[in-house]
């Protein structure tokens, strides 16, 4: 889903390799993310296989029943679909080209409001109050067309004496990512750990 969305003109985060896309029969400028859409559609097939298995099993008493002869077709079909989907997706991802500058620009602005609330909490402000302060700042930014890091000292001080331009300048996408160090978080070290684990599981 993300690949399909990111490849649209509105997002423009990724350029798909020509071998995994087709042109539009009507719009010359359009590149259809065929492989990503087809794989997305395969989820319906595999979910259907799961539902078929659950339906076979739901009314069975203990021990083996002849109904279980019906478990093979959906199981084998789901396994084959998954293997084929992963193979083609791996090739697609290897050929994708990301517009890092555009992605970085989209990650800025009001997306970092939660991080500002966290910074206030770290300075002793109760989270409920920090949430309200940050919400008021976001409304101010929307009304004035500014970003959080554009706000001057007077505006910040009016919302909270804890807020300063130096504090707001700490907001950045890179710092936001690095702060999430919990299990499954976005910090680079944690992402590398998750990738290593996934790689081990995929090869064993």
Protein backbone atom coordinates (compact mmCIF):
# COMPACT_ATOMS: atom_id res chain seq x y z
CA UNK A 1 0.00 0.00 0.00
CA UNK A 2 2.80 2.44 0.88
CA UNK A 3 4.57 1.76 -2.41
CA UNK A 4 1.39 2.43 -4.39
CA UNK A 5 0.76 5.65 -2.46
CA UNK A 6 4.36 6.88 -2.53
CA UNK A 7 4.56 6.37 -6.30
CA UNK A 8 1.67 8.76 -6.98
CA UNK A 9 2.38 12.23 -8.36
CA UNK A 10 0.92 13.77 -5.21
CA UNK A 11 3.54 12.08 -3.01
CA UNK A 12 6.37 11.49 -5.48
CA UNK A 13 8.51 9.72 -2.90
CA UNK A 14 9.59 6.84 -5.11
CA UNK A 15 10.25 6.09 -8.78
CA UNK A 16 9.38 2.52 -9.74
CA UNK A 17 11.54 0.57 -12.21
CA UNK A 18 9.95 0.35 -15.66
CA UNK A 19 10.07 -3.45 -15.60
CA UNK A 20 7.58 -3.48 -12.71
CA UNK A 21 5.13 -0.88 -14.02
CA UNK A 22 3.14 -0.09 -17.14
CA UNK A 23 2.03 3.09 -18.82
CA UNK A 24 -1.55 4.24 -18.85
CA UNK A 25 -3.58 3.55 -21.99
CA UNK A 26 -5.07 7.03 -21.66
CA UNK A 27 -2.59 9.25 -19.78
CA UNK A 28 0.93 9.30 -21.30
CA UNK A 29 2.55 10.69 -18.14
CA UNK A 30 1.17 8.01 -15.82
CA UNK A 31 3.12 5.00 -14.59
CA UNK A 32 0.92 2.31 -13.07
CA UNK A 33 2.43 0.44 -10.07
CA UNK A 34 1.22 -2.91 -11.40
CA UNK A 35 3.31 -5.26 -9.28
CA UNK A 36 2.57 -3.45 -6.02
CA UNK A 37 -1.16 -3.42 -6.79
CA UNK A 38 -1.21 -7.09 -7.82
CA UNK A 39 0.60 -8.16 -4.67
CA UNK A 40 -1.77 -6.04 -2.60
CA UNK A 41 -4.63 -7.87 -4.27
CA UNK A 42 -3.09 -11.22 -3.35
CA UNK A 43 -3.82 -10.51 0.31
CA UNK A 44 -7.50 -11.12 -0.40
CA UNK A 45 -6.62 -14.53 -1.78
CA UNK A 46 -4.51 -15.53 1.23
CA UNK A 47 -7.07 -14.19 3.72
CA UNK A 48 -9.65 -16.24 1.85
CA UNK A 49 -7.49 -19.33 2.32
CA UNK A 50 -7.33 -18.64 6.06
CA UNK A 51 -11.10 -18.24 6.27
CA UNK A 52 -11.54 -21.52 4.37
CA UNK A 53 -9.30 -23.35 6.85
CA UNK A 54 -11.00 -21.82 9.88
CA UNK A 55 -14.41 -22.74 8.52
CA UNK A 56 -13.32 -26.36 8.00
CA UNK A 57 -11.97 -26.54 11.55
CA UNK A 58 -14.61 -24.64 13.47
CA UNK A 59 -17.16 -27.43 13.91
CA UNK A 60 -14.87 -30.43 14.30
CA UNK A 61 -14.71 -32.59 17.43
CA UNK A 62 -11.40 -33.92 18.74
CA UNK A 63 -9.12 -36.12 16.61
CA UNK A 64 -8.95 -36.56 12.84
CA UNK A 65 -11.98 -36.06 10.62
CA UNK A 66 -12.35 -36.45 6.88
CA UNK A 67 -13.15 -32.76 6.66
CA UNK A 68 -9.42 -32.15 7.07
CA UNK A 69 -8.78 -33.39 3.55
CA UNK A 70 -9.92 -29.90 2.57
CA UNK A 71 -7.01 -28.22 4.35
CA UNK A 72 -4.45 -28.92 1.62
CA UNK A 73 -5.70 -26.74 -1.29
CA UNK A 74 -5.92 -23.46 0.67
CA UNK A 75 -2.68 -24.16 2.55
CA UNK A 76 -0.63 -24.95 -0.54
CA UNK A 77 -2.18 -22.08 -2.49
CA UNK A 78 -1.44 -19.59 0.29
CA UNK A 79 2.17 -20.81 0.60
CA UNK A 80 2.76 -20.56 -3.15
CA UNK A 81 1.14 -17.12 -3.32
CA UNK A 82 3.29 -15.85 -0.46
CA UNK A 83 6.51 -17.19 -1.98
CA UNK A 84 5.80 -15.70 -5.40
CA UNK A 85 4.74 -12.36 -3.90
CA UNK A 86 7.89 -12.08 -1.79
CA UNK A 87 10.13 -12.94 -4.75
CA UNK A 88 8.65 -10.27 -7.00
CA UNK A 89 8.49 -7.66 -4.22
CA UNK A 90 12.16 -8.18 -3.40
CA UNK A 91 13.07 -7.49 -7.02
CA UNK A 92 10.79 -4.45 -7.10
CA UNK A 93 12.28 -2.92 -3.95
CA UNK A 94 15.83 -3.40 -5.25
CA UNK A 95 14.96 -1.31 -8.31
CA UNK A 96 13.11 1.53 -6.57
CA UNK A 97 14.66 5.00 -6.44
CA UNK A 98 13.66 7.25 -3.54
CA UNK A 99 13.42 11.05 -3.66
CA UNK A 100 15.04 11.60 -0.27
CA UNK A 101 14.81 15.40 -0.40
CA UNK A 102 11.08 15.30 -1.06
CA UNK A 103 10.52 12.74 1.69
CA UNK A 104 12.55 14.81 4.14
CA UNK A 105 10.55 17.94 3.31
CA UNK A 106 7.26 16.08 3.85
CA UNK A 107 8.46 14.82 7.24
CA UNK A 108 8.95 18.33 8.60
CA UNK A 109 6.46 20.85 9.93
CA UNK A 110 3.61 19.92 12.24
CA UNK A 111 4.41 16.20 12.17
CA UNK A 112 6.83 16.88 15.02
CA UNK A 113 4.16 18.20 17.39
CA UNK A 114 4.25 15.02 19.49
CA UNK A 115 7.99 15.43 19.92
CA UNK A 116 7.44 18.95 21.21
CA UNK A 117 4.97 17.63 23.78
CA UNK A 118 7.56 15.03 24.80
CA UNK A 119 10.20 17.73 25.23
CA UNK A 120 7.85 19.66 27.50
CA UNK A 121 7.23 16.54 29.59
CA UNK A 122 10.98 16.03 29.94
CA UNK A 123 11.11 19.53 31.44
CA UNK A 124 8.51 18.77 34.08
CA UNK A 125 5.27 19.71 32.34
CA UNK A 126 2.48 17.13 32.94
CA UNK A 127 1.59 15.39 29.69
CA UNK A 128 -2.03 16.57 29.71
CA UNK A 129 -0.81 20.16 29.97
CA UNK A 130 1.95 19.57 27.39
CA UNK A 131 -0.65 18.14 25.02
CA UNK A 132 -2.86 21.22 25.43
CA UNK A 133 0.06 23.63 24.95
CA UNK A 134 1.22 21.86 21.81
CA UNK A 135 -2.32 21.72 20.44
CA UNK A 136 -2.66 25.48 20.91
CA UNK A 137 0.64 26.03 19.11
CA UNK A 138 -0.48 23.83 16.23
CA UNK A 139 -3.69 25.85 15.88
CA UNK A 140 -1.61 29.04 15.86
CA UNK A 141 0.63 27.60 13.13
CA UNK A 142 -2.35 26.58 11.00
CA UNK A 143 -3.85 30.05 11.35
CA UNK A 144 -0.61 31.87 10.48
CA UNK A 145 0.89 29.44 7.97
CA UNK A 146 4.01 28.93 10.09
CA UNK A 147 5.88 25.86 11.19
CA UNK A 148 6.67 25.08 14.81
CA UNK A 149 10.32 26.04 14.34
CA UNK A 150 9.29 29.38 12.79
CA UNK A 151 7.63 30.66 15.97
CA UNK A 152 9.38 33.51 17.75
CA UNK A 153 10.16 33.79 21.44
CA UNK A 154 7.15 35.96 22.24
CA UNK A 155 4.63 33.54 20.75
CA UNK A 156 6.28 30.59 22.47
CA UNK A 157 6.43 32.34 25.84
CA UNK A 158 2.76 33.29 25.55
CA UNK A 159 1.86 29.60 25.40
CA UNK A 160 4.29 28.40 28.08
CA UNK A 161 7.26 29.84 29.97
CA UNK A 162 9.08 26.57 29.31
CA UNK A 163 9.01 27.10 25.55
CA UNK A 164 12.01 28.80 23.96
CA UNK A 165 13.30 29.08 20.39
CA UNK A 166 16.28 26.92 21.39
CA UNK A 167 13.94 24.16 22.57
CA UNK A 168 11.83 24.28 19.42
CA UNK A 169 14.95 24.17 17.24
CA UNK A 170 15.63 20.71 18.67
CA UNK A 171 12.73 19.41 16.60
CA UNK A 172 13.87 17.48 13.54
CA UNK A 173 12.77 14.32 11.73
CA UNK A 174 16.13 12.67 12.37
CA UNK A 175 15.95 13.32 16.11
CA UNK A 176 12.35 12.18 16.21
CA UNK A 177 13.32 8.86 14.65
CA UNK A 178 16.35 8.43 16.89
CA UNK A 179 14.33 9.06 20.07
CA UNK A 180 12.17 5.94 19.56
CA UNK A 181 14.57 3.38 21.04
CA UNK A 182 12.00 0.98 22.52
CA UNK A 183 11.57 -2.56 21.18
CA UNK A 184 10.21 -2.25 17.65
CA UNK A 185 10.97 1.48 17.54
CA UNK A 186 12.36 3.61 14.72
CA UNK A 187 15.83 4.37 16.10
CA UNK A 188 18.45 3.25 13.54
CA UNK A 189 20.07 0.79 15.94
CA UNK A 190 16.69 -0.80 16.73
CA UNK A 191 15.75 -0.98 13.03
CA UNK A 192 19.05 -2.73 12.28
CA UNK A 193 18.32 -5.21 15.07
CA UNK A 194 14.86 -5.90 13.65
CA UNK A 195 16.26 -6.36 10.14
CA UNK A 196 18.88 -8.80 11.40
CA UNK A 197 16.22 -10.78 13.24
CA UNK A 198 13.92 -10.85 10.19
CA UNK A 199 16.82 -11.98 8.01
CA UNK A 200 17.64 -14.83 10.40
CA UNK A 201 14.00 -15.95 10.52
CA UNK A 202 13.69 -15.83 6.74
CA UNK A 203 16.72 -18.07 6.22
CA UNK A 204 16.02 -20.71 8.90
